[in-house]
Amino acid sequence: METEIKLAPLSIRTTPTTLSIPEVLSCIFNLLEKDHKSLVSAACVNQIWFSEATRLLWANSDMSALMAVEASRRSIYAPKICDFTIRSVPDHLNLDFRLLRVLRLNNLPELRDENLNQYLQPSLEEVNLRYWPPTQFLYGLNQYCQSLRDFAHTDPQVDKRPGLVEFFTMNKSLRRIRLTLHPHDQDEILAAIAALSKVTSLEDLTTIGEIPINALLQLREPHSPSPFESVRRVRIKVGVPALPLLSTTFSAIASLSLELVINSDDHALDALVGLPLEYLHVHVAAGVKLSTQELLFLRDMKSLQSLIIGPTPLGRMERMPKFEISNDQFKQIFENLSNLESMVNWFAVDIANPDAALEDLGRSCPKLKNLRWYSSIDMTAWWDIPGPLFPSLKFAWVSSVSDRNLLSDTNESTAQLLAEILDRHAPELDRFVALNGYDFRTTNVDQLSQLTMRAHGRIKEIGQTKHAKEKNREVTGR
């Protein structure tokens, strides 16, 4: 006799004996992984269903959820946890976390080693720290967690990190490291970079904070082994003087994400030519002149996916400095960047023909999804251009829109026409913001820009985007 089992939207026609096989139940319940209500109901059916349902319910959990159940049942659920987030640890908790793969320690006060030892499981693959653990815990990671592959410490507020250098020096398994560098402790930065350069299994390195040039220079000492010889993916922040050292420091690099600090007029950015640059964020110090001629090296960066250029520091209420560029230089820079997905320029663009520049950008960069362009645009100039000009664009932020080619006054009809042109040339656009001038606040929007945004996209104060509303209507219609 067949039985029809219904779990939320899932309907399965099968035999009772089939539903007693854990392997079959596992495949069925995996379809309900995000439907916690149905899994809770399934856990009440029998012991086999309970075992499979709670496996999914507890796979990703946190300490507050574990402490919310009766103490006698915590030993049932702890062995099922694979991804565990801890914000507080009660004293004398001692459970079996045999399947633990990801451990997240968030904003915790200083803990004793006995509270952390239970998480030193052979299955552990990833550790994310928001506070610095005891040295003995780090020693245990190296001794007992031979499968540990990912390590991240991202709290910039920690003053001292005892055992940091020794942990990296002794580790033989880490493949991915994300580490915050503390600018107030230059000695630790030098020692940490030296230790990281010797992690023989390391493939992916991310540092938060600027690496001083002397930290890279120390790796060039005679008779020193090749630094970072296994590292393929790098995300770092350096100053211009350090650029010539990147190719020799990371000789096996296949992907580079770079934050570049420009503090003087001596740039030498052509040192980046030949590197597999995928992400570039340029911080231009106040008073430093960045000429577009020096950015021409970007035309050879065919793997570039994200480009951000902006002055620093720049307060939210400050007016943007100008960035002068010719249409010819703009076209040269972007004509080969077909993989570019994000272009953010935190300068007021001073260019003779901004509409032609955007047309060149759209034709050269069909994958562009995110655009911040601080210049007034006249979308009526796109009227006769076969589209779409920006087929992948999802977010656009410009200074203001213009209708200088239209004879009518600013009104709803004009705004609707501009919105239709925008929709034609950016069919995937989900958010559109226009400003009147170069300040950050959307309260400065002029009347036409505001009407156009309301006709197509949204300003920050409006809840849903046009496309989100359309999707909701589709769901309701079903």
Protein backbone atom coordinates (compact mmCIF):
# COMPACT_ATOMS: atom_id res chain seq x y z
CA MET A 1 0.00 0.00 0.00
CA GLU A 2 1.31 3.40 -0.96
CA THR A 3 1.34 6.31 1.44
CA GLU A 4 1.43 9.96 0.42
CA ILE A 5 3.62 12.07 2.71
CA LYS A 6 3.25 15.87 2.57
CA LEU A 7 5.86 18.17 4.09
CA ALA A 8 5.04 21.82 3.41
CA PRO A 9 5.16 22.21 -0.41
CA LEU A 10 6.92 18.86 -0.84
CA SER A 11 4.78 15.86 -1.78
CA ILE A 12 6.33 12.38 -2.03
CA ARG A 13 4.52 9.17 -3.01
CA THR A 14 6.36 6.18 -1.61
CA THR A 15 6.01 3.05 0.54
CA PRO A 16 6.32 2.96 4.35
CA THR A 17 9.43 0.77 4.22
CA THR A 18 11.20 3.30 2.02
CA LEU A 19 10.72 6.00 4.64
CA SER A 20 12.63 3.94 7.20
CA ILE A 21 15.87 4.02 5.18
CA PRO A 22 18.11 6.86 6.46
CA GLU A 23 19.82 7.32 3.09
CA VAL A 24 16.45 7.92 1.39
CA LEU A 25 15.24 10.22 4.16
CA SER A 26 18.47 12.17 3.93
CA CYS A 27 17.87 12.92 0.24
CA ILE A 28 14.26 13.90 0.93
CA PHE A 29 15.01 16.11 3.94
CA ASN A 30 17.86 17.84 2.12
CA LEU A 31 15.16 19.38 -0.08
CA LEU A 32 13.71 20.92 3.09
CA GLU A 33 17.01 22.23 4.42
CA LYS A 34 15.75 25.83 4.71
CA ASP A 35 12.22 24.91 5.76
CA HIS A 36 12.74 24.63 9.51
CA LYS A 37 9.04 24.38 10.30
CA SER A 38 8.63 21.21 8.20
CA LEU A 39 11.83 19.70 9.62
CA VAL A 40 10.61 20.29 13.18
CA SER A 41 7.36 18.50 12.31
CA ALA A 42 9.27 15.64 10.67
CA ALA A 43 11.42 15.22 13.79
CA CYS A 44 8.30 14.27 15.75
CA VAL A 45 7.39 11.25 13.57
CA ASN A 46 9.79 8.58 14.84
CA GLN A 47 13.40 8.03 15.90
CA ILE A 48 14.78 7.68 12.36
CA TRP A 49 13.02 10.83 11.16
CA PHE A 50 14.17 12.61 14.31
CA SER A 51 17.78 11.69 13.63
CA GLU A 52 17.75 12.90 10.02
CA ALA A 53 15.69 16.05 10.66
CA THR A 54 17.78 17.22 13.61
CA ARG A 55 20.94 16.61 11.59
CA LEU A 56 19.83 19.47 9.30
CA LEU A 57 18.24 21.59 12.02
CA TRP A 58 21.43 21.66 14.10
CA ALA A 59 24.08 21.61 11.37
CA ASN A 60 24.38 25.42 11.53
CA SER A 61 23.77 26.69 15.05
CA ASP A 62 24.98 28.98 17.83
CA MET A 63 25.53 28.83 21.57
CA SER A 64 22.30 30.64 22.45
CA ALA A 65 20.23 28.00 20.64
CA LEU A 66 22.13 25.17 22.31
CA MET A 67 21.70 26.69 25.78
CA ALA A 68 17.97 27.20 25.15
CA VAL A 69 17.29 23.45 25.22
CA GLU A 70 17.27 21.29 28.32
CA ALA A 71 20.74 20.44 29.63
CA SER A 72 20.00 16.73 29.29
CA ARG A 73 19.37 17.10 25.54
CA ARG A 74 22.43 19.22 24.66
CA SER A 75 24.57 16.09 24.34
CA ILE A 76 22.13 14.86 21.64
CA TYR A 77 22.40 17.97 19.49
CA ALA A 78 26.05 19.03 19.96
CA PRO A 79 27.44 16.07 17.94
CA LYS A 80 25.31 17.18 14.97
CA ILE A 81 26.68 20.74 14.80
CA CYS A 82 28.98 21.49 11.86
CA ASP A 83 29.01 25.31 11.87
CA PHE A 84 28.97 26.86 15.36
CA THR A 85 28.85 30.53 16.40
CA ILE A 86 29.79 31.40 19.98
CA ARG A 87 29.11 34.78 21.60
CA SER A 88 29.31 33.59 25.19
CA VAL A 89 30.39 30.36 26.82
CA PRO A 90 29.01 29.19 30.16
CA ASP A 91 31.49 27.70 32.59
CA HIS A 92 31.93 23.93 32.80
CA LEU A 93 30.24 23.20 29.46
CA ASN A 94 31.72 19.96 28.17
CA LEU A 95 30.09 18.48 25.06
CA ASP A 96 31.03 16.34 22.09
CA PHE A 97 31.35 18.46 18.92
CA ARG A 98 32.67 15.58 16.81
CA LEU A 99 31.37 16.96 13.44
CA LEU A 100 32.45 20.57 14.00
CA ARG A 101 33.93 22.03 10.82
CA VAL A 102 33.50 25.81 11.26
CA LEU A 103 34.01 27.65 14.56
CA ARG A 104 33.15 31.34 14.96
CA LEU A 105 34.19 33.09 18.19
CA ASN A 106 32.49 36.49 18.25
CA ASN A 107 33.20 39.36 20.66
CA LEU A 108 33.98 37.12 23.60
CA PRO A 109 35.68 38.09 26.84
CA GLU A 110 38.89 36.30 27.72
CA LEU A 111 38.24 32.58 28.20
CA ARG A 112 40.06 29.79 29.97
CA ASP A 113 41.56 27.03 27.88
CA GLU A 114 39.28 24.40 29.41
CA ASN A 115 36.27 26.18 27.88
CA LEU A 116 37.76 25.99 24.39
CA ASN A 117 39.38 22.56 24.35
CA GLN A 118 36.08 20.84 23.48
CA TYR A 119 36.14 22.58 20.08
CA LEU A 120 39.56 21.23 19.14
CA GLN A 121 38.14 18.48 16.92
CA PRO A 122 39.98 16.63 14.12
CA SER A 123 37.10 17.62 11.81
CA LEU A 124 37.68 21.38 12.32
CA GLU A 125 38.42 23.12 9.02
CA GLU A 126 37.76 26.83 9.63
CA VAL A 127 38.19 29.24 12.57
CA ASN A 128 36.89 32.82 12.56
CA LEU A 129 37.94 34.97 15.52
CA ARG A 130 36.62 38.31 16.72
CA TYR A 131 38.72 38.14 19.87
CA TRP A 132 42.14 36.66 20.49
CA PRO A 133 42.15 33.24 22.19
CA PRO A 134 44.62 31.90 24.75
CA THR A 135 47.96 30.73 23.42
CA GLN A 136 47.19 27.16 24.50
CA PHE A 137 44.14 27.12 22.19
CA LEU A 138 46.33 28.15 19.24
CA TYR A 139 48.78 25.40 20.16
CA GLY A 140 45.86 22.94 20.21
CA LEU A 141 44.74 24.02 16.74
CA ASN A 142 48.14 23.04 15.37
CA GLN A 143 48.35 19.84 17.42
CA TYR A 144 44.84 18.38 17.10
CA CYS A 145 43.24 20.03 14.05
CA GLN A 146 45.23 18.71 11.12
CA SER A 147 42.32 19.46 8.77
CA LEU A 148 42.34 23.19 9.60
CA ARG A 149 42.37 25.07 6.30
CA ASP A 150 40.94 28.55 7.00
CA PHE A 151 41.94 31.01 9.72
CA ALA A 152 40.60 34.55 10.15
CA HIS A 153 41.08 37.24 12.77
CA THR A 154 39.26 40.45 11.89
CA ASP A 155 39.05 42.52 15.10
CA PRO A 156 41.15 45.72 14.76
CA GLN A 157 40.61 46.62 18.42
CA VAL A 158 42.72 43.86 19.99
CA ASP A 159 45.96 45.30 21.39
CA LYS A 160 47.99 42.15 22.01
CA ARG A 161 47.97 38.79 20.26
CA PRO A 162 50.28 36.43 22.15
CA GLY A 163 51.25 33.34 20.23
CA LEU A 164 50.31 34.82 16.82
CA VAL A 165 53.73 34.48 15.19
CA GLU A 166 54.41 31.09 16.75
CA PHE A 167 51.03 29.78 15.54
CA PHE A 168 51.78 30.65 11.91
CA THR A 169 55.38 29.49 12.17
CA MET A 170 54.38 26.03 13.36
CA ASN A 171 51.29 25.53 11.17
CA LYS A 172 51.47 23.07 8.29
CA SER A 173 47.87 22.91 7.06
CA LEU A 174 46.44 26.41 6.51
CA ARG A 175 45.49 27.28 2.95
CA ARG A 176 43.52 30.49 3.54
CA ILE A 177 44.39 33.24 6.05
CA ARG A 178 42.60 36.54 6.71
CA LEU A 179 44.44 38.71 9.22
CA THR A 180 43.99 42.25 10.56
CA LEU A 181 47.20 44.26 10.82
CA HIS A 182 47.40 46.70 13.72
CA PRO A 183 49.18 49.91 12.66
CA HIS A 184 50.19 50.69 16.26
CA ASP A 185 52.31 47.53 16.49
CA GLN A 186 54.87 47.66 13.70
CA ASP A 187 57.02 44.94 15.27
CA GLU A 188 54.10 42.50 15.20
CA ILE A 189 53.38 43.33 11.55
CA LEU A 190 57.00 42.63 10.57
CA ALA A 191 57.06 39.35 12.49
CA ALA A 192 53.62 38.27 11.26
CA ILE A 193 54.42 38.90 7.57
CA ALA A 194 57.68 36.98 7.93
CA ALA A 195 55.85 34.05 9.56
CA LEU A 196 53.06 34.07 6.97
CA SER A 197 55.60 33.99 4.15
CA LYS A 198 56.80 30.60 5.41
CA VAL A 199 53.43 28.81 5.67
CA THR A 200 54.14 26.25 2.96
CA SER A 201 50.50 25.24 2.38
CA LEU A 202 49.15 28.81 2.12
CA GLU A 203 47.24 29.53 -1.11
CA ASP A 204 44.96 32.50 -0.27
CA LEU A 205 46.12 35.51 1.79
CA THR A 206 44.06 38.54 2.87
CA THR A 207 45.42 41.25 5.14
CA ILE A 208 43.30 44.09 6.52
CA GLY A 209 45.39 47.23 6.99
CA GLU A 210 48.41 48.54 5.14
CA ILE A 211 51.55 46.41 4.82
CA PRO A 212 54.58 48.71 5.28
CA ILE A 213 57.29 48.47 2.66
CA ASN A 214 59.91 47.37 5.21
CA ALA A 215 57.81 44.24 5.89
CA LEU A 216 58.28 43.24 2.25
CA LEU A 217 61.91 44.36 2.08
CA GLN A 218 62.84 42.03 4.95
CA LEU A 219 61.74 39.08 2.80
CA ARG A 220 64.45 39.92 0.26
CA GLU A 221 67.32 39.22 2.66
CA PRO A 222 70.13 37.03 1.26
CA HIS A 223 69.86 33.26 1.84
CA SER A 224 66.17 33.58 2.75
CA PRO A 225 63.81 30.99 1.19
CA SER A 226 61.36 32.20 -1.46
CA PRO A 227 58.51 33.99 0.34
CA PHE A 228 54.87 33.03 -0.21
CA GLU A 229 55.92 30.46 -2.79
CA SER A 230 52.56 28.63 -2.69
CA VAL A 231 50.27 31.70 -2.53
CA ARG A 232 48.03 32.05 -5.58
CA ARG A 233 45.41 34.57 -4.41
CA VAL A 234 46.35 37.83 -2.62
CA ARG A 235 44.26 40.67 -1.15
CA ILE A 236 46.44 43.38 0.41
CA LYS A 237 46.86 47.12 0.95
CA VAL A 238 50.19 48.80 0.20
CA GLY A 239 51.67 52.17 -0.65
CA VAL A 240 53.08 53.07 -4.07
CA PRO A 241 56.75 52.45 -3.06
CA ALA A 242 55.91 48.79 -2.41
CA LEU A 243 54.51 48.12 -5.90
CA PRO A 244 57.82 46.99 -7.50
CA LEU A 245 58.16 44.34 -4.76
CA LEU A 246 54.84 42.59 -5.42
CA SER A 247 55.93 40.48 -8.39
CA THR A 248 58.96 39.06 -6.55
CA THR A 249 57.26 38.68 -3.16
CA PHE A 250 54.31 36.74 -4.64
CA SER A 251 55.96 34.91 -7.51
CA ALA A 252 53.16 32.32 -7.92
CA ILE A 253 50.30 34.82 -7.78
CA ALA A 254 47.29 34.17 -10.05
CA SER A 255 44.83 36.71 -8.61
CA LEU A 256 45.54 40.11 -7.01
CA SER A 257 43.09 42.34 -5.14
CA LEU A 258 44.88 45.54 -4.24
CA GLU A 259 44.18 48.60 -2.13
CA LEU A 260 46.70 51.21 -3.20
CA VAL A 261 47.57 54.26 -1.08
CA ILE A 262 48.91 57.26 -3.03
CA ASN A 263 50.44 59.80 -0.66
CA SER A 264 52.64 61.76 -3.06
CA ASP A 265 52.79 62.87 -6.69
CA ASP A 266 55.42 60.21 -7.43
CA HIS A 267 53.19 57.33 -8.50
CA ALA A 268 54.98 54.75 -10.72
CA LEU A 269 51.76 52.81 -11.21
CA ASP A 270 53.13 51.00 -14.26
CA ALA A 271 54.78 48.56 -11.79
CA LEU A 272 51.37 46.84 -11.78
CA VAL A 273 51.64 45.91 -15.45
CA GLY A 274 51.90 42.15 -15.83
CA LEU A 275 50.23 41.34 -12.50
CA PRO A 276 46.88 39.45 -12.52
CA LEU A 277 44.97 42.41 -11.08
CA GLU A 278 41.27 41.68 -10.47
CA TYR A 279 40.34 44.33 -7.89
CA LEU A 280 41.89 47.79 -7.50
CA HIS A 281 40.92 50.39 -4.91
CA VAL A 282 43.01 53.56 -5.18
CA HIS A 283 43.13 55.86 -2.13
CA VAL A 284 44.37 59.32 -3.19
CA ALA A 285 45.56 61.47 -0.28
CA ALA A 286 44.33 65.05 0.05
CA GLY A 287 46.31 67.46 -2.09
CA VAL A 288 47.81 64.73 -4.32
CA LYS A 289 47.25 65.10 -8.05
CA LEU A 290 46.39 61.90 -9.92
CA SER A 291 46.67 62.43 -13.65
CA THR A 292 44.71 60.28 -16.05
CA GLN A 293 47.88 59.66 -18.04
CA GLU A 294 49.14 57.55 -15.15
CA LEU A 295 45.99 55.44 -15.23
CA LEU A 296 46.56 54.35 -18.82
CA PHE A 297 48.29 51.22 -17.49
CA LEU A 298 44.76 49.93 -16.72
CA ARG A 299 44.08 49.30 -20.40
CA ASP A 300 46.29 46.21 -20.14
CA MET A 301 44.49 44.85 -17.06
CA LYS A 302 42.10 42.57 -18.93
CA SER A 303 41.30 40.53 -15.79
CA LEU A 304 40.18 43.60 -13.80
CA GLN A 305 36.69 43.12 -12.31
CA SER A 306 36.41 46.05 -9.89
CA LEU A 307 37.86 49.58 -10.00
CA ILE A 308 37.40 52.11 -7.17
CA ILE A 309 39.12 55.49 -7.17
CA GLY A 310 38.57 58.04 -4.44
CA PRO A 311 40.12 60.74 -2.28
CA THR A 312 41.00 60.02 1.33
CA PRO A 313 40.07 61.14 3.84
CA LEU A 314 36.64 62.32 2.66
CA GLY A 315 33.88 63.11 5.14
CA ARG A 316 30.26 62.49 4.29
CA MET A 317 29.46 66.20 4.21
CA GLU A 318 32.48 67.30 2.18
CA ARG A 319 32.26 68.35 -1.44
CA MET A 320 34.04 66.05 -3.86
CA PRO A 321 37.26 67.18 -5.55
CA LYS A 322 37.34 67.12 -9.34
CA PHE A 323 38.92 64.48 -11.51
CA GLU A 324 39.83 65.77 -14.97
CA ILE A 325 39.91 63.36 -17.89
CA SER A 326 39.52 63.61 -21.65
CA ASN A 327 37.10 61.45 -23.61
CA ASP A 328 39.99 59.94 -25.54
CA GLN A 329 41.85 58.93 -22.36
CA PHE A 330 38.68 57.53 -20.84
CA LYS A 331 38.07 55.38 -23.90
CA GLN A 332 41.68 54.13 -23.90
CA ILE A 333 41.51 53.12 -20.24
CA PHE A 334 38.29 51.10 -20.51
CA GLU A 335 38.28 49.78 -24.06
CA ASN A 336 39.88 46.43 -23.09
CA LEU A 337 38.24 45.93 -19.67
CA SER A 338 35.53 43.54 -20.82
CA ASN A 339 35.49 41.73 -17.44
CA LEU A 340 34.82 44.86 -15.39
CA GLU A 341 31.79 44.45 -13.10
CA SER A 342 32.12 47.47 -10.81
CA MET A 343 33.33 51.02 -11.54
CA VAL A 344 33.17 53.50 -8.65
CA ASN A 345 34.71 56.96 -8.96
CA TRP A 346 34.42 59.08 -5.81
CA PHE A 347 35.56 62.18 -7.72
CA ALA A 348 33.41 64.69 -9.58
CA VAL A 349 34.18 63.72 -13.16
CA ASP A 350 35.27 66.71 -15.25
CA ILE A 351 34.94 65.47 -18.84
CA ALA A 352 33.88 67.25 -22.02
CA ASN A 353 31.23 64.73 -23.09
CA PRO A 354 30.06 62.52 -20.19
CA ASP A 355 27.31 60.91 -22.27
CA ALA A 356 29.79 59.73 -24.91
CA ALA A 357 32.07 58.43 -22.14
CA LEU A 358 29.26 56.36 -20.64
CA GLU A 359 28.40 55.06 -24.10
CA ASP A 360 32.02 53.94 -24.53
CA LEU A 361 31.95 52.38 -21.05
CA GLY A 362 28.80 50.41 -21.81
CA ARG A 363 30.13 49.08 -25.10
CA SER A 364 33.52 48.10 -23.62
CA CYS A 365 32.26 46.65 -20.33
CA PRO A 366 29.10 44.56 -20.94
CA LYS A 367 29.43 42.82 -17.53
CA LEU A 368 29.23 46.09 -15.57
CA LYS A 369 26.83 45.71 -12.62
CA ASN A 370 27.72 48.61 -10.32
CA LEU A 371 28.36 52.19 -11.50
CA ARG A 372 28.97 55.39 -9.53
CA TRP A 373 29.44 58.33 -11.87
CA TYR A 374 29.47 61.84 -10.43
CA SER A 375 28.57 63.83 -13.51
CA SER A 376 25.27 65.00 -14.93
CA ILE A 377 24.02 62.72 -17.70
CA ASP A 378 21.59 63.43 -20.53
CA MET A 379 19.84 60.14 -21.18
CA THR A 380 18.08 61.53 -24.24
CA ALA A 381 21.46 61.22 -25.96
CA TRP A 382 20.94 57.46 -25.81
CA TRP A 383 17.59 57.61 -27.62
CA ASP A 384 18.86 56.36 -30.99
CA ILE A 385 21.52 54.01 -29.64
CA PRO A 386 20.61 50.34 -30.17
CA GLY A 387 20.42 48.77 -26.78
CA PRO A 388 20.81 47.69 -24.22
CA LEU A 389 23.86 49.83 -23.49
CA PHE A 390 24.31 48.37 -19.99
CA PRO A 391 22.84 44.85 -20.21
CA SER A 392 24.09 43.74 -16.76
CA LEU A 393 23.80 46.97 -14.74
CA LYS A 394 21.97 46.55 -11.41
CA PHE A 395 23.01 49.67 -9.46
CA ALA A 396 23.67 53.17 -10.82
CA TRP A 397 24.49 56.36 -8.91
CA VAL A 398 24.95 59.58 -10.88
CA SER A 399 25.00 63.29 -10.09
CA SER A 400 21.80 64.22 -11.91
CA VAL A 401 19.82 63.60 -15.07
CA SER A 402 19.24 66.20 -17.74
CA ASP A 403 16.65 66.83 -20.45
CA ARG A 404 18.38 69.58 -22.37
CA ASN A 405 17.43 67.89 -25.66
CA LEU A 406 13.74 67.94 -24.72
CA LEU A 407 11.53 70.93 -25.35
CA SER A 408 9.04 70.28 -22.56
CA ASP A 409 9.28 71.51 -18.98
CA THR A 410 10.23 69.27 -16.11
CA ASN A 411 7.19 67.14 -15.35
CA GLU A 412 6.01 63.58 -14.85
CA SER A 413 5.88 62.91 -18.60
CA THR A 414 9.48 63.98 -19.10
CA ALA A 415 10.60 61.86 -16.16
CA GLN A 416 8.68 58.87 -17.47
CA LEU A 417 10.37 59.21 -20.86
CA LEU A 418 13.82 59.30 -19.24
CA ALA A 419 12.89 56.31 -17.09
CA GLU A 420 11.84 54.37 -20.20
CA ILE A 421 15.16 55.20 -21.90
CA LEU A 422 16.97 54.07 -18.75
CA ASP A 423 14.94 50.86 -18.61
CA ARG A 424 15.71 50.13 -22.25
CA HIS A 425 19.47 50.53 -21.83
CA ALA A 426 19.71 48.94 -18.36
CA PRO A 427 17.00 46.24 -18.26
CA GLU A 428 18.42 44.64 -15.09
CA LEU A 429 18.68 47.93 -13.15
CA ASP A 430 17.27 47.51 -9.67
CA ARG A 431 18.38 50.75 -8.03
CA PHE A 432 18.96 54.20 -9.50
CA VAL A 433 20.14 57.22 -7.48
CA ALA A 434 20.74 60.73 -8.84
CA LEU A 435 22.11 63.71 -6.91
CA ASN A 436 22.04 67.41 -7.65
CA GLY A 437 25.73 68.27 -7.33
CA TYR A 438 28.48 66.20 -5.74
CA ASP A 439 27.40 65.84 -2.13
CA PHE A 440 26.46 62.48 -0.65
CA ARG A 441 22.96 63.18 0.59
CA THR A 442 19.96 62.22 -1.51
CA THR A 443 18.06 65.19 -0.08
CA ASN A 444 19.86 67.33 -2.68
CA VAL A 445 18.07 65.64 -5.58
CA ASP A 446 16.69 68.06 -8.16
CA GLN A 447 13.07 67.76 -9.27
CA LEU A 448 13.67 65.94 -12.57
CA SER A 449 16.15 63.49 -11.06
CA GLN A 450 13.74 62.71 -8.25
CA LEU A 451 10.83 62.18 -10.62
CA THR A 452 12.98 59.92 -12.82
CA MET A 453 14.08 57.86 -9.84
CA ARG A 454 10.50 57.44 -8.72
CA ALA A 455 9.48 56.43 -12.23
CA HIS A 456 12.16 53.73 -12.51
CA GLY A 457 14.20 53.01 -9.42
CA ARG A 458 14.14 54.40 -5.91
CA ILE A 459 15.80 56.85 -3.58
CA LYS A 460 16.90 55.69 -0.17
CA GLU A 461 13.68 56.68 1.54
CA ILE A 462 11.47 54.58 -0.76
CA GLY A 463 10.98 50.94 0.28
CA GLN A 464 11.02 48.64 -2.70
CA THR A 465 12.65 48.85 -6.08
CA LYS A 466 10.62 48.66 -9.27
CA HIS A 467 11.82 45.18 -10.11
CA ALA A 468 11.26 43.88 -6.58
CA LYS A 469 7.64 45.06 -6.76
CA GLU A 470 7.16 43.31 -10.10
CA LYS A 471 8.55 40.05 -8.68
CA ASN A 472 6.20 40.30 -5.69
CA ARG A 473 3.24 40.78 -8.02
CA GLU A 474 4.30 37.68 -9.95
CA VAL A 475 4.46 35.61 -6.75
CA THR A 476 1.07 36.92 -5.62
CA GLY A 477 -0.42 36.09 -9.01
CA ARG A 478 0.65 32.50 -8.68
